[in-house]
Amino acid sequence: MDEQQYKSVYKELNPNRCIFEKAVTNQRCDCEMKRRFVIANRECIACESESALKICTRTLDSIRNNARFTLKVVTVSGPMPHNKELQVQAGGMLALQSIVAGAPDSTEKVVHNVYQTLGLALQKFGSLDGLPYNELVKSIVKYESRPKRRKKKK
């Protein structure tokens, strides 16, 4: 299956693509609304709820826009390059989960339920405008998708 065929089949089978797909497939996030499936040996994530997808999309767009300057990706509109996008998705959600749980210094490595975390955050802060973006951006910048490799001694 070539890449064009894959994208065509993907869009046909997955009209509600999970906006946190990168973080979910990298096992940094989980969600009660996800549905996993495989196309051509590639794991895909769909959202089971259109209303949940709208909430997640608006929230991720807002977090992404607040992190652009700090991540030095101001000229790109929409999703960022893969690693930066993973940094925003996973780092932002991990920070939000720890803030909502009342444990800002949490060493948690996985977001257990993205949809539930967003619901609790919106309940706690009232709206997207009320989210603590300064704290979220700090965590996004600190987040490492993989530990950096150490140079071998010669």
N, C-alpha and C. Protein backbone atom coordinates (compact mmCIF):
# COMPACT_ATOMS: atom_id res chain seq x y z
N MET A 1 0.85 -1.18 0.00
CA MET A 1 0.00 0.00 0.00
C MET A 1 0.89 1.24 0.00
N ASP A 2 0.72 2.11 -1.00
CA ASP A 2 1.52 3.32 -1.04
C ASP A 2 0.91 4.38 -0.11
N GLU A 3 1.62 5.47 0.10
CA GLU A 3 1.22 6.49 1.07
C GLU A 3 -0.12 7.16 0.71
N GLN A 4 -0.35 7.41 -0.57
CA GLN A 4 -1.61 8.03 -0.99
C GLN A 4 -2.80 7.10 -0.71
N GLN A 5 -2.63 5.82 -1.01
CA GLN A 5 -3.69 4.85 -0.71
C GLN A 5 -3.96 4.80 0.79
N TYR A 6 -2.88 4.77 1.57
CA TYR A 6 -3.01 4.72 3.02
C TYR A 6 -3.82 5.92 3.52
N LYS A 7 -3.45 7.12 3.08
CA LYS A 7 -4.14 8.33 3.53
C LYS A 7 -5.61 8.32 3.12
N SER A 8 -5.89 7.83 1.93
CA SER A 8 -7.26 7.76 1.45
C SER A 8 -8.09 6.79 2.30
N VAL A 9 -7.55 5.60 2.54
CA VAL A 9 -8.24 4.60 3.36
C VAL A 9 -8.38 5.11 4.80
N TYR A 10 -7.34 5.75 5.30
CA TYR A 10 -7.35 6.29 6.66
C TYR A 10 -8.49 7.28 6.84
N LYS A 11 -8.61 8.23 5.92
CA LYS A 11 -9.67 9.24 6.02
C LYS A 11 -11.06 8.61 5.91
N GLU A 12 -11.17 7.58 5.09
CA GLU A 12 -12.44 6.89 4.92
C GLU A 12 -12.85 6.13 6.18
N LEU A 13 -11.90 5.44 6.79
CA LEU A 13 -12.19 4.62 7.98
C LEU A 13 -12.19 5.42 9.28
N ASN A 14 -11.58 6.60 9.25
CA ASN A 14 -11.41 7.35 10.48
C ASN A 14 -11.82 8.82 10.31
N PRO A 15 -13.10 9.09 10.17
CA PRO A 15 -13.52 10.48 10.00
C PRO A 15 -13.31 11.33 11.27
N ASN A 16 -13.28 10.69 12.43
CA ASN A 16 -13.07 11.39 13.70
C ASN A 16 -11.71 11.03 14.28
N ARG A 17 -10.65 11.45 13.60
CA ARG A 17 -9.28 11.16 14.04
C ARG A 17 -9.03 11.82 15.40
N CYS A 18 -8.49 11.06 16.33
CA CYS A 18 -8.16 11.59 17.66
C CYS A 18 -7.09 12.66 17.51
N ILE A 19 -7.34 13.83 18.06
CA ILE A 19 -6.40 14.95 17.95
C ILE A 19 -5.15 14.70 18.80
N PHE A 20 -5.24 13.81 19.77
CA PHE A 20 -4.09 13.44 20.61
C PHE A 20 -3.47 12.12 20.14
N GLU A 21 -3.64 11.77 18.88
CA GLU A 21 -3.20 10.49 18.34
C GLU A 21 -1.70 10.24 18.57
N LYS A 22 -0.88 11.25 18.38
CA LYS A 22 0.57 11.07 18.56
C LYS A 22 0.89 10.66 20.01
N ALA A 23 0.31 11.34 20.96
CA ALA A 23 0.55 11.03 22.37
C ALA A 23 -0.02 9.68 22.77
N VAL A 24 -1.16 9.31 22.19
CA VAL A 24 -1.78 8.02 22.52
C VAL A 24 -0.96 6.88 21.92
N THR A 25 -0.55 7.00 20.66
CA THR A 25 0.24 5.92 20.04
C THR A 25 1.63 5.81 20.66
N ASN A 26 2.14 6.89 21.26
CA ASN A 26 3.43 6.85 21.94
C ASN A 26 3.28 6.46 23.41
N GLN A 27 2.08 6.06 23.79
CA GLN A 27 1.77 5.58 25.13
C GLN A 27 2.06 6.61 26.22
N ARG A 28 1.85 7.88 25.89
CA ARG A 28 2.00 8.97 26.86
C ARG A 28 0.63 9.39 27.40
N CYS A 29 -0.42 9.11 26.62
CA CYS A 29 -1.79 9.46 27.00
C CYS A 29 -2.72 8.28 26.71
N ASP A 30 -3.81 8.26 27.44
CA ASP A 30 -4.87 7.30 27.18
C ASP A 30 -6.18 8.06 27.27
N CYS A 31 -7.26 7.48 26.79
CA CYS A 31 -8.53 8.19 26.79
C CYS A 31 -9.68 7.18 26.73
N GLU A 32 -10.73 7.48 27.44
CA GLU A 32 -11.91 6.62 27.43
C GLU A 32 -12.66 6.70 26.10
N MET A 33 -12.42 7.73 25.32
CA MET A 33 -13.14 7.93 24.06
C MET A 33 -12.41 7.38 22.84
N LYS A 34 -11.25 6.77 23.04
CA LYS A 34 -10.47 6.30 21.89
C LYS A 34 -10.94 4.95 21.38
N ARG A 35 -10.68 4.74 20.11
CA ARG A 35 -10.91 3.43 19.49
C ARG A 35 -9.69 3.16 18.63
N ARG A 36 -9.01 2.07 18.90
CA ARG A 36 -7.81 1.69 18.14
C ARG A 36 -8.19 0.81 16.97
N PHE A 37 -7.46 0.97 15.86
CA PHE A 37 -7.58 0.07 14.72
C PHE A 37 -6.28 0.13 13.94
N VAL A 38 -6.09 -0.81 13.05
CA VAL A 38 -4.83 -0.92 12.31
C VAL A 38 -5.12 -0.88 10.81
N ILE A 39 -4.31 -0.10 10.10
CA ILE A 39 -4.34 -0.06 8.64
C ILE A 39 -2.91 -0.28 8.17
N ALA A 40 -2.70 -1.28 7.35
CA ALA A 40 -1.37 -1.56 6.78
C ALA A 40 -0.29 -1.57 7.85
N ASN A 41 -0.51 -2.28 8.92
CA ASN A 41 0.42 -2.43 10.03
C ASN A 41 0.72 -1.12 10.77
N ARG A 42 -0.12 -0.12 10.61
CA ARG A 42 0.03 1.14 11.34
C ARG A 42 -1.15 1.30 12.29
N GLU A 43 -0.83 1.62 13.53
CA GLU A 43 -1.87 1.81 14.53
C GLU A 43 -2.51 3.18 14.34
N CYS A 44 -3.83 3.22 14.40
CA CYS A 44 -4.60 4.45 14.23
C CYS A 44 -5.52 4.62 15.43
N ILE A 45 -5.86 5.87 15.74
CA ILE A 45 -6.73 6.15 16.87
C ILE A 45 -7.89 7.01 16.40
N ALA A 46 -9.10 6.58 16.69
CA ALA A 46 -10.30 7.34 16.37
C ALA A 46 -10.94 7.81 17.67
N CYS A 47 -11.73 8.87 17.57
CA CYS A 47 -12.49 9.36 18.71
C CYS A 47 -13.93 8.88 18.57
N GLU A 48 -14.46 8.31 19.62
CA GLU A 48 -15.81 7.76 19.61
C GLU A 48 -16.89 8.84 19.76
N SER A 49 -16.50 10.06 20.12
CA SER A 49 -17.48 11.11 20.40
C SER A 49 -17.12 12.40 19.67
N GLU A 50 -18.05 12.89 18.85
CA GLU A 50 -17.79 14.14 18.13
C GLU A 50 -17.71 15.32 19.09
N SER A 51 -18.51 15.32 20.15
CA SER A 51 -18.45 16.43 21.11
C SER A 51 -17.13 16.41 21.88
N ALA A 52 -16.64 15.22 22.23
CA ALA A 52 -15.34 15.12 22.90
C ALA A 52 -14.23 15.59 21.97
N LEU A 53 -14.32 15.22 20.71
CA LEU A 53 -13.32 15.63 19.73
C LEU A 53 -13.27 17.15 19.60
N LYS A 54 -14.43 17.80 19.62
CA LYS A 54 -14.46 19.28 19.54
C LYS A 54 -13.78 19.91 20.75
N ILE A 55 -14.05 19.39 21.93
CA ILE A 55 -13.43 19.91 23.16
C ILE A 55 -11.92 19.71 23.10
N CYS A 56 -11.50 18.51 22.73
CA CYS A 56 -10.07 18.21 22.65
C CYS A 56 -9.38 19.09 21.60
N THR A 57 -10.01 19.27 20.46
CA THR A 57 -9.43 20.07 19.39
C THR A 57 -9.26 21.52 19.82
N ARG A 58 -10.30 22.11 20.40
CA ARG A 58 -10.21 23.50 20.85
C ARG A 58 -9.14 23.66 21.92
N THR A 59 -9.07 22.70 22.84
CA THR A 59 -8.08 22.79 23.92
C THR A 59 -6.67 22.64 23.38
N LEU A 60 -6.43 21.64 22.54
CA LEU A 60 -5.09 21.44 22.00
C LEU A 60 -4.66 22.62 21.15
N ASP A 61 -5.57 23.17 20.34
CA ASP A 61 -5.24 24.35 19.54
C ASP A 61 -4.82 25.51 20.44
N SER A 62 -5.53 25.69 21.52
CA SER A 62 -5.23 26.77 22.46
C SER A 62 -3.87 26.56 23.14
N ILE A 63 -3.61 25.35 23.59
CA ILE A 63 -2.32 25.05 24.22
C ILE A 63 -1.19 25.22 23.20
N ARG A 64 -1.39 24.70 21.99
CA ARG A 64 -0.39 24.80 20.92
C ARG A 64 -0.07 26.26 20.61
N ASN A 65 -1.10 27.09 20.48
CA ASN A 65 -0.89 28.50 20.16
C ASN A 65 -0.15 29.24 21.27
N ASN A 66 -0.38 28.86 22.51
CA ASN A 66 0.31 29.49 23.63
C ASN A 66 1.76 29.02 23.73
N ALA A 67 2.08 27.86 23.18
CA ALA A 67 3.44 27.31 23.27
C ALA A 67 4.30 27.63 22.05
N ARG A 68 3.72 28.14 20.98
CA ARG A 68 4.45 28.37 19.72
C ARG A 68 5.72 29.20 19.89
N PHE A 69 5.61 30.33 20.55
CA PHE A 69 6.76 31.22 20.68
C PHE A 69 7.89 30.55 21.45
N THR A 70 7.55 29.93 22.56
CA THR A 70 8.54 29.27 23.40
C THR A 70 9.23 28.12 22.68
N LEU A 71 8.49 27.40 21.83
CA LEU A 71 9.05 26.27 21.08
C LEU A 71 9.69 26.71 19.76
N LYS A 72 9.67 28.02 19.49
CA LYS A 72 10.29 28.59 18.29
C LYS A 72 9.67 28.04 17.00
N VAL A 73 8.34 27.93 17.00
CA VAL A 73 7.61 27.44 15.83
C VAL A 73 6.47 28.42 15.53
N VAL A 74 6.79 29.69 15.39
CA VAL A 74 5.75 30.70 15.20
C VAL A 74 5.27 30.79 13.77
N THR A 75 6.05 30.33 12.82
CA THR A 75 5.66 30.47 11.40
C THR A 75 4.80 29.31 10.91
N VAL A 76 4.65 28.26 11.68
CA VAL A 76 3.87 27.10 11.27
C VAL A 76 2.44 27.25 11.80
N SER A 77 1.45 27.14 10.91
CA SER A 77 0.08 27.17 11.38
C SER A 77 -0.42 25.72 11.43
N GLY A 78 -1.30 25.42 12.38
CA GLY A 78 -1.78 24.05 12.53
C GLY A 78 -0.78 23.22 13.32
N PRO A 79 -0.82 21.89 13.14
CA PRO A 79 0.09 21.02 13.88
C PRO A 79 1.56 21.34 13.60
N MET A 80 2.38 21.11 14.59
CA MET A 80 3.82 21.37 14.50
C MET A 80 4.53 20.13 13.97
N PRO A 81 5.84 20.23 13.75
CA PRO A 81 6.60 19.03 13.39
C PRO A 81 6.41 17.95 14.47
N HIS A 82 6.57 16.69 14.08
CA HIS A 82 6.21 15.55 14.91
C HIS A 82 6.67 15.66 16.37
N ASN A 83 7.94 15.85 16.61
CA ASN A 83 8.44 15.83 17.98
C ASN A 83 7.91 17.01 18.79
N LYS A 84 7.80 18.17 18.17
CA LYS A 84 7.25 19.35 18.85
C LYS A 84 5.77 19.12 19.17
N GLU A 85 5.05 18.51 18.22
CA GLU A 85 3.63 18.22 18.45
C GLU A 85 3.46 17.22 19.59
N LEU A 86 4.31 16.21 19.64
CA LEU A 86 4.26 15.25 20.74
C LEU A 86 4.57 15.95 22.06
N GLN A 87 5.51 16.87 22.03
CA GLN A 87 5.87 17.64 23.21
C GLN A 87 4.66 18.44 23.71
N VAL A 88 3.94 19.08 22.79
CA VAL A 88 2.76 19.86 23.17
C VAL A 88 1.65 18.96 23.70
N GLN A 89 1.37 17.88 22.97
CA GLN A 89 0.27 16.99 23.38
C GLN A 89 0.56 16.33 24.73
N ALA A 90 1.66 15.64 24.82
CA ALA A 90 1.96 14.89 26.05
C ALA A 90 2.38 15.81 27.19
N GLY A 91 3.28 16.73 26.92
CA GLY A 91 3.74 17.64 27.97
C GLY A 91 2.62 18.51 28.51
N GLY A 92 1.79 19.02 27.61
CA GLY A 92 0.66 19.85 28.04
C GLY A 92 -0.36 19.08 28.85
N MET A 93 -0.68 17.88 28.40
CA MET A 93 -1.68 17.09 29.12
C MET A 93 -1.15 16.56 30.46
N LEU A 94 0.13 16.19 30.51
CA LEU A 94 0.71 15.76 31.79
C LEU A 94 0.66 16.90 32.80
N ALA A 95 0.99 18.10 32.35
CA ALA A 95 0.94 19.26 33.25
C ALA A 95 -0.49 19.54 33.70
N LEU A 96 -1.42 19.49 32.76
CA LEU A 96 -2.82 19.75 33.10
C LEU A 96 -3.36 18.71 34.07
N GLN A 97 -2.98 17.45 33.85
CA GLN A 97 -3.42 16.38 34.76
C GLN A 97 -2.90 16.62 36.17
N SER A 98 -1.64 17.00 36.29
CA SER A 98 -1.08 17.21 37.63
C SER A 98 -1.68 18.46 38.30
N ILE A 99 -1.98 19.50 37.52
CA ILE A 99 -2.60 20.71 38.08
C ILE A 99 -4.01 20.41 38.56
N VAL A 100 -4.78 19.68 37.75
CA VAL A 100 -6.16 19.34 38.11
C VAL A 100 -6.18 18.43 39.34
N ALA A 101 -5.20 17.53 39.43
CA ALA A 101 -5.14 16.60 40.57
C ALA A 101 -4.63 17.29 41.83
N GLY A 102 -4.13 18.52 41.69
CA GLY A 102 -3.61 19.24 42.86
C GLY A 102 -2.22 18.80 43.24
N ALA A 103 -1.49 18.21 42.31
CA ALA A 103 -0.13 17.74 42.57
C ALA A 103 0.81 18.31 41.49
N PRO A 104 1.11 19.63 41.55
CA PRO A 104 1.89 20.25 40.48
C PRO A 104 3.31 19.68 40.31
N ASP A 105 3.84 19.03 41.32
CA ASP A 105 5.18 18.45 41.21
C ASP A 105 5.13 16.96 40.91
N SER A 106 4.05 16.52 40.33
CA SER A 106 3.85 15.10 40.05
C SER A 106 4.90 14.56 39.08
N THR A 107 5.30 13.34 39.30
CA THR A 107 6.27 12.69 38.39
C THR A 107 5.56 11.69 37.49
N GLU A 108 4.26 11.85 37.37
CA GLU A 108 3.45 10.98 36.52
C GLU A 108 3.95 11.03 35.07
N LYS A 109 4.02 9.88 34.42
CA LYS A 109 4.54 9.79 33.05
C LYS A 109 3.47 9.54 32.01
N VAL A 110 2.22 9.28 32.46
CA VAL A 110 1.13 8.95 31.55
C VAL A 110 -0.13 9.70 31.97
N VAL A 111 -0.83 10.24 31.00
CA VAL A 111 -2.14 10.83 31.25
C VAL A 111 -3.13 9.69 31.15
N HIS A 112 -3.86 9.43 32.22
CA HIS A 112 -4.73 8.25 32.27
C HIS A 112 -6.00 8.40 31.44
N ASN A 113 -6.53 9.62 31.35
CA ASN A 113 -7.76 9.81 30.59
C ASN A 113 -7.83 11.27 30.12
N VAL A 114 -7.51 11.51 28.86
CA VAL A 114 -7.46 12.85 28.30
C VAL A 114 -8.82 13.55 28.43
N TYR A 115 -9.88 12.88 28.03
CA TYR A 115 -11.21 13.49 28.05
C TYR A 115 -11.62 13.88 29.46
N GLN A 116 -11.40 13.00 30.41
CA GLN A 116 -11.76 13.28 31.79
C GLN A 116 -10.91 14.44 32.34
N THR A 117 -9.62 14.44 32.03
CA THR A 117 -8.73 15.51 32.49
C THR A 117 -9.18 16.86 31.95
N LEU A 118 -9.54 16.90 30.66
CA LEU A 118 -10.01 18.16 30.07
C LEU A 118 -11.32 18.60 30.71
N GLY A 119 -12.21 17.66 30.97
CA GLY A 119 -13.47 17.99 31.62
C GLY A 119 -13.26 18.58 33.00
N LEU A 120 -12.37 17.97 33.77
CA LEU A 120 -12.07 18.47 35.11
C LEU A 120 -11.40 19.84 35.06
N ALA A 121 -10.52 20.03 34.08
CA ALA A 121 -9.83 21.32 33.94
C ALA A 121 -10.81 22.43 33.59
N LEU A 122 -11.71 22.15 32.64
CA LEU A 122 -12.69 23.16 32.26
C LEU A 122 -13.65 23.46 33.40
N GLN A 123 -13.94 22.44 34.20
CA GLN A 123 -14.80 22.63 35.37
C GLN A 123 -14.08 23.50 36.42
N LYS A 124 -12.81 23.23 36.62
CA LYS A 124 -12.03 23.94 37.63
C LYS A 124 -11.74 25.39 37.23
N PHE A 125 -11.38 25.60 35.94
CA PHE A 125 -10.95 26.93 35.49
C PHE A 125 -12.04 27.70 34.74
N GLY A 126 -13.17 27.07 34.51
CA GLY A 126 -14.30 27.76 33.91
C GLY A 126 -14.34 27.81 32.40
N SER A 127 -13.21 27.96 31.76
CA SER A 127 -13.15 28.04 30.29
C SER A 127 -11.71 27.84 29.84
N LEU A 128 -11.53 27.79 28.52
CA LEU A 128 -10.17 27.66 27.98
C LEU A 128 -9.32 28.87 28.34
N ASP A 129 -9.93 30.04 28.40
CA ASP A 129 -9.18 31.26 28.73
C ASP A 129 -8.64 31.22 30.15
N GLY A 130 -9.26 30.45 31.02
CA GLY A 130 -8.84 30.39 32.42
C GLY A 130 -7.73 29.39 32.70
N LEU A 131 -7.37 28.56 31.72
CA LEU A 131 -6.32 27.55 31.95
C LEU A 131 -4.99 28.23 32.28
N PRO A 132 -4.19 27.62 33.14
CA PRO A 132 -2.90 28.20 33.54
C PRO A 132 -1.82 27.96 32.47
N TYR A 133 -1.89 28.72 31.38
CA TYR A 133 -1.00 28.49 30.25
C TYR A 133 0.48 28.66 30.60
N ASN A 134 0.80 29.56 31.54
CA ASN A 134 2.21 29.71 31.92
C ASN A 134 2.78 28.40 32.46
N GLU A 135 2.00 27.73 33.31
CA GLU A 135 2.45 26.45 33.87
C GLU A 135 2.48 25.36 32.79
N LEU A 136 1.49 25.37 31.92
CA LEU A 136 1.46 24.36 30.86
C LEU A 136 2.66 24.51 29.93
N VAL A 137 2.97 25.74 29.54
CA VAL A 137 4.09 25.97 28.62
C VAL A 137 5.42 25.59 29.28
N LYS A 138 5.57 25.87 30.57
CA LYS A 138 6.80 25.47 31.28
C LYS A 138 6.98 23.94 31.21
N SER A 139 5.91 23.21 31.42
CA SER A 139 5.99 21.74 31.36
C SER A 139 6.23 21.24 29.95
N ILE A 140 5.64 21.90 28.97
CA ILE A 140 5.85 21.52 27.57
C ILE A 140 7.32 21.65 27.21
N VAL A 141 7.94 22.74 27.62
CA VAL A 141 9.35 22.97 27.30
C VAL A 141 10.24 21.93 27.98
N LYS A 142 9.90 21.55 29.21
CA LYS A 142 10.70 20.56 29.95
C LYS A 142 10.50 19.13 29.45
N TYR A 143 9.38 18.87 28.81
CA TYR A 143 9.02 17.51 28.40
C TYR A 143 10.00 16.98 27.36
N GLU A 144 10.47 15.76 27.58
CA GLU A 144 11.31 15.06 26.61
C GLU A 144 10.60 13.79 26.18
N SER A 145 10.40 13.64 24.87
CA SER A 145 9.73 12.44 24.40
C SER A 145 10.61 11.21 24.58
N ARG A 146 11.89 11.41 24.44
CA ARG A 146 12.88 10.34 24.67
C ARG A 146 14.06 10.95 25.40
N PRO A 147 14.66 10.20 26.29
CA PRO A 147 15.87 10.73 26.92
C PRO A 147 16.95 10.95 25.86
N LYS A 148 17.71 12.00 26.04
CA LYS A 148 18.78 12.29 25.08
C LYS A 148 19.85 11.23 25.18
N ARG A 149 20.41 10.88 24.00
CA ARG A 149 21.47 9.87 23.96
C ARG A 149 22.76 10.47 24.48
N ARG A 150 23.47 9.66 25.17
CA ARG A 150 24.78 10.11 25.64
C ARG A 150 25.84 9.69 24.63
N LYS A 151 26.78 10.54 24.42
CA LYS A 151 27.85 10.23 23.47
C LYS A 151 28.74 9.16 24.06
N LYS A 152 29.13 8.23 23.20
CA LYS A 152 30.02 7.16 23.64
C LYS A 152 31.44 7.70 23.77
N LYS A 153 32.11 7.24 24.80
CA LYS A 153 33.52 7.63 24.98
C LYS A 153 34.37 6.80 24.05
N LYS A 154 35.31 7.43 23.48
CA LYS A 154 36.21 6.72 22.54
C LYS A 154 37.40 6.13 23.23
